[in-house]
Amino acid sequence: QMLSFLENHDELRVASPQCCGDPFKALPAMVVAATISTGPVMV
């Protein structure tokens, strides 16, 4: 019942300089978010 996500309206964009600076660096994290449970994942 946990909804996984990497971004939302309250958080920094992953590609922002204050975070990863490169959206492709977040791909492993997105795989984890999408497969760690059977709950939904938000894109």
Full PDB file with SEQRES, HELIX, SHEET, SSBOND, CRYST1, ORIGX, SCALE, CONECT and MASTER records, all heavy atoms in Angstrom:
SEQRES   1 A   43  GLN MET LEU SER PHE LEU GLU ASN HIS ASP GLU LEU ARG          
SEQRES   2 A   43  VAL ALA SER PRO GLN CYS CYS GLY ASP PRO PHE LYS ALA          
SEQRES   3 A   43  LEU PRO ALA MET VAL VAL ALA ALA THR ILE SER THR GLY          
SEQRES   4 A   43  PRO VAL MET VAL                                              
HELIX    1 AA1 PRO A   23  ALA A   26  5                                   4    
HELIX    2 AA2 LEU A   27  THR A   35  1                                   9    
SHEET    1 AA1 2 SER A   4  PHE A   5  0                                        
SHEET    2 AA1 2 VAL A  41  MET A  42  1                                        
CRYST1    1.000    1.000    1.000  90.00  90.00  90.00 P 1           1          
ORIGX1      1.000000  0.000000  0.000000        0.00000                         
ORIGX2      0.000000  1.000000  0.000000        0.00000                         
ORIGX3      0.000000  0.000000  1.000000        0.00000                         
SCALE1      1.000000  0.000000  0.000000        0.00000                         
SCALE2      0.000000  1.000000  0.000000        0.00000                         
SCALE3      0.000000  0.000000  1.000000        0.00000                         
ATOM      1  N   GLN A   1       0.815  -1.214   0.000  1.00  0.00           N  
ATOM      2  CA  GLN A   1       0.000   0.000   0.000  1.00  0.00           C  
ATOM      3  C   GLN A   1       0.855   1.274   0.000  1.00  0.00           C  
ATOM      4  O   GLN A   1       0.340   2.357   0.227  1.00  0.00           O  
ATOM      5  CB  GLN A   1      -0.937  -0.009   1.204  1.00  0.00           C  
ATOM      6  CG  GLN A   1      -2.019  -1.071   1.077  1.00  0.00           C  
ATOM      7  CD  GLN A   1      -2.907  -1.073   2.284  1.00  0.00           C  
ATOM      8  OE1 GLN A   1      -2.561  -1.612   3.325  1.00  0.00           O  
ATOM      9  NE2 GLN A   1      -4.055  -0.437   2.144  1.00  0.00           N  
ATOM     10  N   MET A   2       2.121   1.118  -0.289  1.00  0.00           N  
ATOM     11  CA  MET A   2       3.012   2.273  -0.362  1.00  0.00           C  
ATOM     12  C   MET A   2       3.196   2.676  -1.828  1.00  0.00           C  
ATOM     13  O   MET A   2       3.494   1.833  -2.672  1.00  0.00           O  
ATOM     14  CB  MET A   2       4.371   1.954   0.264  1.00  0.00           C  
ATOM     15  CG  MET A   2       4.293   1.517   1.722  1.00  0.00           C  
ATOM     16  SD  MET A   2       3.387   2.638   2.808  1.00  0.00           S  
ATOM     17  CE  MET A   2       4.363   4.111   2.725  1.00  0.00           C  
ATOM     18  N   LEU A   3       2.989   3.943  -2.119  1.00  0.00           N  
ATOM     19  CA  LEU A   3       3.175   4.475  -3.459  1.00  0.00           C  
ATOM     20  C   LEU A   3       4.603   5.004  -3.555  1.00  0.00           C  
ATOM     21  O   LEU A   3       4.989   5.937  -2.846  1.00  0.00           O  
ATOM     22  CB  LEU A   3       2.180   5.606  -3.738  1.00  0.00           C  
ATOM     23  CG  LEU A   3       2.250   6.207  -5.134  1.00  0.00           C  
ATOM     24  CD1 LEU A   3       0.853   6.502  -5.634  1.00  0.00           C  
ATOM     25  CD2 LEU A   3       3.087   7.472  -5.145  1.00  0.00           C  
ATOM     26  N   SER A   4       5.401   4.381  -4.408  1.00  0.00           N  
ATOM     27  CA  SER A   4       6.798   4.787  -4.590  1.00  0.00           C  
ATOM     28  C   SER A   4       6.889   5.904  -5.610  1.00  0.00           C  
ATOM     29  O   SER A   4       6.087   5.983  -6.540  1.00  0.00           O  
ATOM     30  CB  SER A   4       7.632   3.593  -5.077  1.00  0.00           C  
ATOM     31  OG  SER A   4       7.578   2.542  -4.152  1.00  0.00           O  
ATOM     32  N   PHE A   5       7.902   6.756  -5.444  1.00  0.00           N  
ATOM     33  CA  PHE A   5       8.108   7.859  -6.387  1.00  0.00           C  
ATOM     34  C   PHE A   5       9.523   8.396  -6.249  1.00  0.00           C  
ATOM     35  O   PHE A   5      10.192   8.163  -5.245  1.00  0.00           O  
ATOM     36  CB  PHE A   5       7.095   8.986  -6.142  1.00  0.00           C  
ATOM     37  CG  PHE A   5       7.263   9.676  -4.808  1.00  0.00           C  
ATOM     38  CD1 PHE A   5       7.976  10.858  -4.719  1.00  0.00           C  
ATOM     39  CD2 PHE A   5       6.708   9.146  -3.663  1.00  0.00           C  
ATOM     40  CE1 PHE A   5       8.139  11.493  -3.501  1.00  0.00           C  
ATOM     41  CE2 PHE A   5       6.861   9.774  -2.441  1.00  0.00           C  
ATOM     42  CZ  PHE A   5       7.580  10.949  -2.353  1.00  0.00           C  
ATOM     43  N   LEU A   6       9.972   9.112  -7.259  1.00  0.00           N  
ATOM     44  CA  LEU A   6      11.248   9.825  -7.201  1.00  0.00           C  
ATOM     45  C   LEU A   6      11.060  11.334  -7.265  1.00  0.00           C  
ATOM     46  O   LEU A   6      11.956  12.078  -6.893  1.00  0.00           O  
ATOM     47  CB  LEU A   6      12.175   9.407  -8.348  1.00  0.00           C  
ATOM     48  CG  LEU A   6      12.743   8.011  -8.296  1.00  0.00           C  
ATOM     49  CD1 LEU A   6      13.764   7.829  -9.415  1.00  0.00           C  
ATOM     50  CD2 LEU A   6      13.376   7.700  -6.954  1.00  0.00           C  
ATOM     51  N   GLU A   7       9.932  11.766  -7.776  1.00  0.00           N  
ATOM     52  CA  GLU A   7       9.670  13.198  -7.887  1.00  0.00           C  
ATOM     53  C   GLU A   7       8.194  13.459  -7.614  1.00  0.00           C  
ATOM     54  O   GLU A   7       7.345  12.614  -7.881  1.00  0.00           O  
ATOM     55  CB  GLU A   7      10.006  13.717  -9.289  1.00  0.00           C  
ATOM     56  CG  GLU A   7      11.462  13.611  -9.641  1.00  0.00           C  
ATOM     57  CD  GLU A   7      11.792  14.224 -10.996  1.00  0.00           C  
ATOM     58  OE1 GLU A   7      10.886  14.387 -11.842  1.00  0.00           O  
ATOM     59  OE2 GLU A   7      12.957  14.518 -11.211  1.00  0.00           O  
ATOM     60  N   ASN A   8       7.932  14.641  -7.073  1.00  0.00           N  
ATOM     61  CA  ASN A   8       6.563  15.139  -6.956  1.00  0.00           C  
ATOM     62  C   ASN A   8       6.634  16.660  -6.838  1.00  0.00           C  
ATOM     63  O   ASN A   8       7.720  17.246  -6.920  1.00  0.00           O  
ATOM     64  CB  ASN A   8       5.796  14.480  -5.806  1.00  0.00           C  
ATOM     65  CG  ASN A   8       6.269  14.892  -4.428  1.00  0.00           C  
ATOM     66  OD1 ASN A   8       6.837  15.960  -4.225  1.00  0.00           O  
ATOM     67  ND2 ASN A   8       6.037  14.041  -3.455  1.00  0.00           N  
ATOM     68  N   HIS A   9       5.522  17.292  -6.620  1.00  0.00           N  
ATOM     69  CA  HIS A   9       5.474  18.755  -6.606  1.00  0.00           C  
ATOM     70  C   HIS A   9       6.189  19.374  -5.403  1.00  0.00           C  
ATOM     71  O   HIS A   9       6.460  20.569  -5.399  1.00  0.00           O  
ATOM     72  CB  HIS A   9       4.015  19.230  -6.646  1.00  0.00           C  
ATOM     73  CG  HIS A   9       3.263  18.874  -5.401  1.00  0.00           C  
ATOM     74  ND1 HIS A   9       2.724  17.622  -5.210  1.00  0.00           N  
ATOM     75  CD2 HIS A   9       2.988  19.593  -4.302  1.00  0.00           C  
ATOM     76  CE1 HIS A   9       2.141  17.587  -4.015  1.00  0.00           C  
ATOM     77  NE2 HIS A   9       2.278  18.772  -3.449  1.00  0.00           N  
ATOM     78  N   ASP A  10       6.514  18.585  -4.392  1.00  0.00           N  
ATOM     79  CA  ASP A  10       7.181  19.103  -3.193  1.00  0.00           C  
ATOM     80  C   ASP A  10       8.696  18.925  -3.208  1.00  0.00           C  
ATOM     81  O   ASP A  10       9.377  19.464  -2.342  1.00  0.00           O  
ATOM     82  CB  ASP A  10       6.661  18.384  -1.939  1.00  0.00           C  
ATOM     83  CG  ASP A  10       5.267  18.797  -1.555  1.00  0.00           C  
ATOM     84  OD1 ASP A  10       4.912  19.961  -1.782  1.00  0.00           O  
ATOM     85  OD2 ASP A  10       4.534  17.959  -1.008  1.00  0.00           O  
ATOM     86  N   GLU A  11       9.199  18.121  -4.111  1.00  0.00           N  
ATOM     87  CA  GLU A  11      10.605  17.737  -4.057  1.00  0.00           C  
ATOM     88  C   GLU A  11      11.386  18.259  -5.266  1.00  0.00           C  
ATOM     89  O   GLU A  11      10.808  18.581  -6.293  1.00  0.00           O  
ATOM     90  CB  GLU A  11      10.720  16.205  -3.996  1.00  0.00           C  
ATOM     91  CG  GLU A  11       9.924  15.564  -2.875  1.00  0.00           C  
ATOM     92  CD  GLU A  11      10.384  15.970  -1.476  1.00  0.00           C  
ATOM     93  OE1 GLU A  11      11.528  16.431  -1.310  1.00  0.00           O  
ATOM     94  OE2 GLU A  11       9.586  15.820  -0.539  1.00  0.00           O  
ATOM     95  N   LEU A  12      12.702  18.293  -5.108  1.00  0.00           N  
ATOM     96  CA  LEU A  12      13.578  18.697  -6.212  1.00  0.00           C  
ATOM     97  C   LEU A  12      13.448  17.730  -7.380  1.00  0.00           C  
ATOM     98  O   LEU A  12      13.246  16.536  -7.179  1.00  0.00           O  
ATOM     99  CB  LEU A  12      15.037  18.676  -5.759  1.00  0.00           C  
ATOM    100  CG  LEU A  12      15.487  19.745  -4.793  1.00  0.00           C  
ATOM    101  CD1 LEU A  12      16.900  19.437  -4.300  1.00  0.00           C  
ATOM    102  CD2 LEU A  12      15.443  21.113  -5.447  1.00  0.00           C  
ATOM    103  N   ARG A  13      13.587  18.254  -8.565  1.00  0.00           N  
ATOM    104  CA  ARG A  13      13.670  17.377  -9.729  1.00  0.00           C  
ATOM    105  C   ARG A  13      14.996  16.640  -9.667  1.00  0.00           C  
ATOM    106  O   ARG A  13      16.026  17.200  -9.299  1.00  0.00           O  
ATOM    107  CB  ARG A  13      13.589  18.175 -11.041  1.00  0.00           C  
ATOM    108  CG  ARG A  13      12.293  18.951 -11.280  1.00  0.00           C  
ATOM    109  CD  ARG A  13      11.004  18.145 -11.236  1.00  0.00           C  
ATOM    110  NE  ARG A  13      10.902  17.021 -12.121  1.00  0.00           N  
ATOM    111  CZ  ARG A  13      10.021  16.912 -13.116  1.00  0.00           C  
ATOM    112  NH1 ARG A  13       9.174  17.887 -13.379  1.00  0.00           N  
ATOM    113  NH2 ARG A  13       9.977  15.832 -13.836  1.00  0.00           N  
ATOM    114  N   VAL A  14      14.992  15.380 -10.011  1.00  0.00           N  
ATOM    115  CA  VAL A  14      16.199  14.564  -9.953  1.00  0.00           C  
ATOM    116  C   VAL A  14      17.315  15.160 -10.807  1.00  0.00           C  
ATOM    117  O   VAL A  14      18.477  15.154 -10.425  1.00  0.00           O  
ATOM    118  CB  VAL A  14      15.888  13.112 -10.371  1.00  0.00           C  
ATOM    119  CG1 VAL A  14      17.151  12.301 -10.488  1.00  0.00           C  
ATOM    120  CG2 VAL A  14      14.951  12.467  -9.368  1.00  0.00           C  
ATOM    121  N   ALA A  15      16.962  15.710 -11.960  1.00  0.00           N  
ATOM    122  CA  ALA A  15      17.964  16.251 -12.877  1.00  0.00           C  
ATOM    123  C   ALA A  15      18.492  17.623 -12.453  1.00  0.00           C  
ATOM    124  O   ALA A  15      19.425  18.135 -13.061  1.00  0.00           O  
ATOM    125  CB  ALA A  15      17.390  16.347 -14.283  1.00  0.00           C  
ATOM    126  N   SER A  16      17.935  18.201 -11.401  1.00  0.00           N  
ATOM    127  CA  SER A  16      18.384  19.536 -10.984  1.00  0.00           C  
ATOM    128  C   SER A  16      19.817  19.483 -10.460  1.00  0.00           C  
ATOM    129  O   SER A  16      20.274  18.452  -9.955  1.00  0.00           O  
ATOM    130  CB  SER A  16      17.455  20.099  -9.903  1.00  0.00           C  
ATOM    131  OG  SER A  16      17.649  19.397  -8.694  1.00  0.00           O  
ATOM    132  N   PRO A  17      20.535  20.599 -10.556  1.00  0.00           N  
ATOM    133  CA  PRO A  17      21.912  20.641 -10.046  1.00  0.00           C  
ATOM    134  C   PRO A  17      21.998  20.347  -8.545  1.00  0.00           C  
ATOM    135  O   PRO A  17      23.006  19.839  -8.071  1.00  0.00           O  
ATOM    136  CB  PRO A  17      22.364  22.073 -10.329  1.00  0.00           C  
ATOM    137  CG  PRO A  17      21.436  22.587 -11.369  1.00  0.00           C  
ATOM    138  CD  PRO A  17      20.146  21.850 -11.202  1.00  0.00           C  
ATOM    139  N   GLN A  18      20.940  20.625  -7.794  1.00  0.00           N  
ATOM    140  CA  GLN A  18      20.947  20.377  -6.356  1.00  0.00           C  
ATOM    141  C   GLN A  18      20.769  18.892  -6.012  1.00  0.00           C  
ATOM    142  O   GLN A  18      20.940  18.504  -4.872  1.00  0.00           O  
ATOM    143  CB  GLN A  18      19.834  21.177  -5.663  1.00  0.00           C  
ATOM    144  CG  GLN A  18      19.962  22.661  -5.792  1.00  0.00           C  
ATOM    145  CD  GLN A  18      19.361  23.186  -7.109  1.00  0.00           C  
ATOM    146  OE1 GLN A  18      18.848  22.446  -7.944  1.00  0.00           O  
ATOM    147  NE2 GLN A  18      19.441  24.495  -7.292  1.00  0.00           N  
ATOM    148  N   CYS A  19      20.414  18.101  -7.003  1.00  0.00           N  
ATOM    149  CA  CYS A  19      20.242  16.659  -6.772  1.00  0.00           C  
ATOM    150  C   CYS A  19      21.283  15.922  -7.602  1.00  0.00           C  
ATOM    151  O   CYS A  19      22.468  16.029  -7.326  1.00  0.00           O  
ATOM    152  CB  CYS A  19      18.812  16.234  -7.110  1.00  0.00           C  
ATOM    153  SG  CYS A  19      18.405  14.581  -6.524  1.00  0.00           S  
ATOM    154  N   CYS A  20      20.876  15.196  -8.617  1.00  0.00           N  
ATOM    155  CA  CYS A  20      21.806  14.407  -9.434  1.00  0.00           C  
ATOM    156  C   CYS A  20      22.482  15.215 -10.527  1.00  0.00           C  
ATOM    157  O   CYS A  20      23.585  14.899 -10.943  1.00  0.00           O  
ATOM    158  CB  CYS A  20      21.077  13.244 -10.093  1.00  0.00           C  
ATOM    159  SG  CYS A  20      20.487  12.027  -8.950  1.00  0.00           S  
ATOM    160  N   GLY A  21      21.771  16.207 -11.028  1.00  0.00           N  
ATOM    161  CA  GLY A  21      22.312  16.980 -12.134  1.00  0.00           C  
ATOM    162  C   GLY A  21      22.174  16.285 -13.475  1.00  0.00           C  
ATOM    163  O   GLY A  21      22.468  16.870 -14.514  1.00  0.00           O  
ATOM    164  N   ASP A  22      21.746  15.052 -13.462  1.00  0.00           N  
ATOM    165  CA  ASP A  22      21.633  14.250 -14.680  1.00  0.00           C  
ATOM    166  C   ASP A  22      20.489  13.253 -14.468  1.00  0.00           C  
ATOM    167  O   ASP A  22      20.570  12.409 -13.574  1.00  0.00           O  
ATOM    168  CB  ASP A  22      22.946  13.511 -14.926  1.00  0.00           C  
ATOM    169  CG  ASP A  22      22.923  12.598 -16.141  1.00  0.00           C  
ATOM    170  OD1 ASP A  22      21.849  12.394 -16.755  1.00  0.00           O  
ATOM    171  OD2 ASP A  22      23.996  12.071 -16.480  1.00  0.00           O  
ATOM    172  N   PRO A  23      19.442  13.329 -15.276  1.00  0.00           N  
ATOM    173  CA  PRO A  23      18.298  12.426 -15.046  1.00  0.00           C  
ATOM    174  C   PRO A  23      18.653  10.953 -15.205  1.00  0.00           C  
ATOM    175  O   PRO A  23      18.036  10.102 -14.568  1.00  0.00           O  
ATOM    176  CB  PRO A  23      17.283  12.874 -16.098  1.00  0.00           C  
ATOM    177  CG  PRO A  23      18.076  13.530 -17.156  1.00  0.00           C  
ATOM    178  CD  PRO A  23      19.238  14.175 -16.445  1.00  0.00           C  
ATOM    179  N   PHE A  24      19.653  10.641 -15.987  1.00  0.00           N  
ATOM    180  CA  PHE A  24      19.993   9.244 -16.223  1.00  0.00           C  
ATOM    181  C   PHE A  24      20.647   8.597 -15.006  1.00  0.00           C  
ATOM    182  O   PHE A  24      20.646   7.377 -14.872  1.00  0.00           O  
ATOM    183  CB  PHE A  24      20.858   9.110 -17.476  1.00  0.00           C  
ATOM    184  CG  PHE A  24      20.093   9.493 -18.708  1.00  0.00           C  
ATOM    185  CD1 PHE A  24      20.300  10.728 -19.305  1.00  0.00           C  
ATOM    186  CD2 PHE A  24      19.125   8.651 -19.238  1.00  0.00           C  
ATOM    187  CE1 PHE A  24      19.564  11.106 -20.415  1.00  0.00           C  
ATOM    188  CE2 PHE A  24      18.387   9.013 -20.358  1.00  0.00           C  
ATOM    189  CZ  PHE A  24      18.608  10.250 -20.940  1.00  0.00           C  
ATOM    190  N   LYS A  25      21.190   9.396 -14.103  1.00  0.00           N  
ATOM    191  CA  LYS A  25      21.752   8.850 -12.868  1.00  0.00           C  
ATOM    192  C   LYS A  25      20.667   8.276 -11.962  1.00  0.00           C  
ATOM    193  O   LYS A  25      20.948   7.500 -11.064  1.00  0.00           O  
ATOM    194  CB  LYS A  25      22.538   9.925 -12.119  1.00  0.00           C  
ATOM    195  CG  LYS A  25      23.835  10.298 -12.804  1.00  0.00           C  
ATOM    196  CD  LYS A  25      24.583  11.325 -11.990  1.00  0.00           C  
ATOM    197  CE  LYS A  25      25.891  11.697 -12.663  1.00  0.00           C  
ATOM    198  NZ  LYS A  25      26.598  12.758 -11.911  1.00  0.00           N  
ATOM    199  N   ALA A  26      19.441   8.670 -12.206  1.00  0.00           N  
ATOM    200  CA  ALA A  26      18.330   8.202 -11.373  1.00  0.00           C  
ATOM    201  C   ALA A  26      17.722   6.891 -11.863  1.00  0.00           C  
ATOM    202  O   ALA A  26      16.837   6.346 -11.199  1.00  0.00           O  
ATOM    203  CB  ALA A  26      17.253   9.277 -11.309  1.00  0.00           C  
ATOM    204  N   LEU A  27      18.161   6.386 -12.990  1.00  0.00           N  
ATOM    205  CA  LEU A  27      17.566   5.156 -13.522  1.00  0.00           C  
ATOM    206  C   LEU A  27      17.627   3.987 -12.531  1.00  0.00           C  
ATOM    207  O   LEU A  27      16.614   3.303 -12.344  1.00  0.00           O  
ATOM    208  CB  LEU A  27      18.195   4.780 -14.858  1.00  0.00           C  
ATOM    209  CG  LEU A  27      17.797   5.682 -16.034  1.00  0.00           C  
ATOM    210  CD1 LEU A  27      18.556   5.294 -17.292  1.00  0.00           C  
ATOM    211  CD2 LEU A  27      16.301   5.658 -16.268  1.00  0.00           C  
ATOM    212  N   PRO A  28      18.757   3.725 -11.874  1.00  0.00           N  
ATOM    213  CA  PRO A  28      18.749   2.617 -10.901  1.00  0.00           C  
ATOM    214  C   PRO A  28      17.747   2.839  -9.766  1.00  0.00           C  
ATOM    215  O   PRO A  28      17.077   1.898  -9.330  1.00  0.00           O  
ATOM    216  CB  PRO A  28      20.183   2.591 -10.362  1.00  0.00           C  
ATOM    217  CG  PRO A  28      20.997   3.241 -11.427  1.00  0.00           C  
ATOM    218  CD  PRO A  28      20.101   4.281 -12.040  1.00  0.00           C  
ATOM    219  N   ALA A  29      17.620   4.079  -9.309  1.00  0.00           N  
ATOM    220  CA  ALA A  29      16.660   4.380  -8.241  1.00  0.00           C  
ATOM    221  C   ALA A  29      15.233   4.167  -8.722  1.00  0.00           C  
ATOM    222  O   ALA A  29      14.382   3.691  -7.964  1.00  0.00           O  
ATOM    223  CB  ALA A  29      16.848   5.807  -7.744  1.00  0.00           C  
ATOM    224  N   MET A  30      14.954   4.498  -9.961  1.00  0.00           N  
ATOM    225  CA  MET A  30      13.611   4.292 -10.499  1.00  0.00           C  
ATOM    226  C   MET A  30      13.300   2.805 -10.605  1.00  0.00           C  
ATOM    227  O   MET A  30      12.173   2.381 -10.338  1.00  0.00           O  
ATOM    228  CB  MET A  30      13.463   4.980 -11.860  1.00  0.00           C  
ATOM    229  CG  MET A  30      12.041   5.031 -12.336  1.00  0.00           C  
ATOM    230  SD  MET A  30      11.023   6.010 -11.204  1.00  0.00           S  
ATOM    231  CE  MET A  30       9.417   5.737 -11.880  1.00  0.00           C  
ATOM    232  N   VAL A  31      14.287   2.006 -10.965  1.00  0.00           N  
ATOM    233  CA  VAL A  31      14.097   0.557 -11.008  1.00  0.00           C  
ATOM    234  C   VAL A  31      13.767   0.041  -9.605  1.00  0.00           C  
ATOM    235  O   VAL A  31      12.849  -0.762  -9.431  1.00  0.00           O  
ATOM    236  CB  VAL A  31      15.333  -0.156 -11.598  1.00  0.00           C  
ATOM    237  CG1 VAL A  31      15.250  -1.664 -11.403  1.00  0.00           C  
ATOM    238  CG2 VAL A  31      15.497   0.185 -13.067  1.00  0.00           C  
ATOM    239  N   VAL A  32      14.489   0.524  -8.604  1.00  0.00           N  
ATOM    240  CA  VAL A  32      14.201   0.120  -7.223  1.00  0.00           C  
ATOM    241  C   VAL A  32      12.785   0.546  -6.838  1.00  0.00           C  
ATOM    242  O   VAL A  32      12.013  -0.251  -6.312  1.00  0.00           O  
ATOM    243  CB  VAL A  32      15.243   0.708  -6.243  1.00  0.00           C  
ATOM    244  CG1 VAL A  32      14.817   0.484  -4.794  1.00  0.00           C  
ATOM    245  CG2 VAL A  32      16.612   0.104  -6.496  1.00  0.00           C  
ATOM    246  N   ALA A  33      12.450   1.804  -7.101  1.00  0.00           N  
ATOM    247  CA  ALA A  33      11.120   2.316  -6.739  1.00  0.00           C  
ATOM    248  C   ALA A  33      10.007   1.513  -7.402  1.00  0.00           C  
ATOM    249  O   ALA A  33       8.969   1.267  -6.800  1.00  0.00           O  
ATOM    250  CB  ALA A  33      10.999   3.794  -7.113  1.00  0.00           C  
ATOM    251  N   ALA A  34      10.234   1.089  -8.628  1.00  0.00           N  
ATOM    252  CA  ALA A  34       9.201   0.387  -9.384  1.00  0.00           C  
ATOM    253  C   ALA A  34       9.106  -1.100  -9.061  1.00  0.00           C  
ATOM    254  O   ALA A  34       8.076  -1.718  -9.335  1.00  0.00           O  
ATOM    255  CB  ALA A  34       9.438   0.565 -10.882  1.00  0.00           C  
ATOM    256  N   THR A  35      10.146  -1.668  -8.460  1.00  0.00           N  
ATOM    257  CA  THR A  35      10.142  -3.120  -8.266  1.00  0.00           C  
ATOM    258  C   THR A  35      10.274  -3.561  -6.809  1.00  0.00           C  
ATOM    259  O   THR A  35      10.211  -4.748  -6.529  1.00  0.00           O  
ATOM    260  CB  THR A  35      11.278  -3.781  -9.072  1.00  0.00           C  
ATOM    261  OG1 THR A  35      12.536  -3.276  -8.615  1.00  0.00           O  
ATOM    262  CG2 THR A  35      11.113  -3.521 -10.558  1.00  0.00           C  
ATOM    263  N   ILE A  36      10.427  -2.634  -5.892  1.00  0.00           N  
ATOM    264  CA  ILE A  36      10.666  -3.012  -4.501  1.00  0.00           C  
ATOM    265  C   ILE A  36       9.415  -3.581  -3.828  1.00  0.00           C  
ATOM    266  O   ILE A  36       9.502  -4.262  -2.813  1.00  0.00           O  
ATOM    267  CB  ILE A  36      11.244  -1.834  -3.699  1.00  0.00           C  
ATOM    268  CG1 ILE A  36      11.931  -2.352  -2.439  1.00  0.00           C  
ATOM    269  CG2 ILE A  36      10.180  -0.780  -3.415  1.00  0.00           C  
ATOM    270  CD1 ILE A  36      12.857  -1.362  -1.780  1.00  0.00           C  
ATOM    271  N   SER A  37       8.258  -3.303  -4.390  1.00  0.00           N  
ATOM    272  CA  SER A  37       7.015  -3.823  -3.809  1.00  0.00           C  
ATOM    273  C   SER A  37       5.976  -4.003  -4.905  1.00  0.00           C  
ATOM    274  O   SER A  37       6.217  -3.681  -6.061  1.00  0.00           O  
ATOM    275  CB  SER A  37       6.483  -2.862  -2.745  1.00  0.00           C  
ATOM    276  OG  SER A  37       5.871  -1.742  -3.348  1.00  0.00           O  
ATOM    277  N   THR A  38       4.812  -4.459  -4.500  1.00  0.00           N  
ATOM    278  CA  THR A  38       3.709  -4.600  -5.444  1.00  0.00           C  
ATOM    279  C   THR A  38       2.815  -3.364  -5.441  1.00  0.00           C  
ATOM    280  O   THR A  38       1.819  -3.330  -6.152  1.00  0.00           O  
ATOM    281  CB  THR A  38       2.857  -5.842  -5.118  1.00  0.00           C  
ATOM    282  OG1 THR A  38       2.357  -5.710  -3.776  1.00  0.00           O  
ATOM    283  CG2 THR A  38       3.670  -7.115  -5.262  1.00  0.00           C  
ATOM    284  N   GLY A  39       3.173  -2.366  -4.643  1.00  0.00           N  
ATOM    285  CA  GLY A  39       2.413  -1.121  -4.615  1.00  0.00           C  
ATOM    286  C   GLY A  39       2.647  -0.320  -5.885  1.00  0.00           C  
ATOM    287  O   GLY A  39       3.550  -0.617  -6.677  1.00  0.00           O  
ATOM    288  N   PRO A  40       1.860   0.713  -6.085  1.00  0.00           N  
ATOM    289  CA  PRO A  40       1.993   1.533  -7.289  1.00  0.00           C  
ATOM    290  C   PRO A  40       3.249   2.388  -7.262  1.00  0.00           C  
ATOM    291  O   PRO A  40       3.830   2.647  -6.204  1.00  0.00           O  
ATOM    292  CB  PRO A  40       0.735   2.415  -7.257  1.00  0.00           C  
ATOM    293  CG  PRO A  40       0.378   2.487  -5.809  1.00  0.00           C  
ATOM    294  CD  PRO A  40       0.786   1.178  -5.207  1.00  0.00           C  
ATOM    295  N   VAL A  41       3.657   2.820  -8.438  1.00  0.00           N  
ATOM    296  CA  VAL A  41       4.776   3.750  -8.564  1.00  0.00           C  
ATOM    297  C   VAL A  41       4.280   4.944  -9.373  1.00  0.00           C  
ATOM    298  O   VAL A  41       3.553   4.787 -10.353  1.00  0.00           O  
ATOM    299  CB  VAL A  41       6.015   3.087  -9.211  1.00  0.00           C  
ATOM    300  CG1 VAL A  41       5.741   2.605 -10.614  1.00  0.00           C  
ATOM    301  CG2 VAL A  41       7.207   4.014  -9.187  1.00  0.00           C  
ATOM    302  N   MET A  42       4.639   6.137  -8.940  1.00  0.00           N  
ATOM    303  CA  MET A  42       4.195   7.345  -9.623  1.00  0.00           C  
ATOM    304  C   MET A  42       5.292   7.840 -10.565  1.00  0.00           C  
ATOM    305  O   MET A  42       6.446   7.989 -10.168  1.00  0.00           O  
ATOM    306  CB  MET A  42       3.873   8.451  -8.603  1.00  0.00           C  
ATOM    307  CG  MET A  42       3.413   9.741  -9.270  1.00  0.00           C  
ATOM    308  SD  MET A  42       2.826  10.992  -8.099  1.00  0.00           S  
ATOM    309  CE  MET A  42       4.337  11.469  -7.290  1.00  0.00           C  
ATOM    310  N   VAL A  43       4.918   8.073 -11.798  1.00  0.00           N  
ATOM    311  CA  VAL A  43       5.789   8.709 -12.778  1.00  0.00           C  
ATOM    312  C   VAL A  43       5.292  10.132 -12.893  1.00  0.00           C  
ATOM    313  O   VAL A  43       4.137  10.379 -13.230  1.00  0.00           O  
ATOM    314  CB  VAL A  43       5.727   7.978 -14.141  1.00  0.00           C  
ATOM    315  CG1 VAL A  43       6.571   8.694 -15.174  1.00  0.00           C  
ATOM    316  CG2 VAL A  43       6.173   6.538 -13.972  1.00  0.00           C  
TER     317      VAL A  43                                                      
MASTER        0    0    0    2    2    0    0    6  316    1    0    4          
END                                                                             
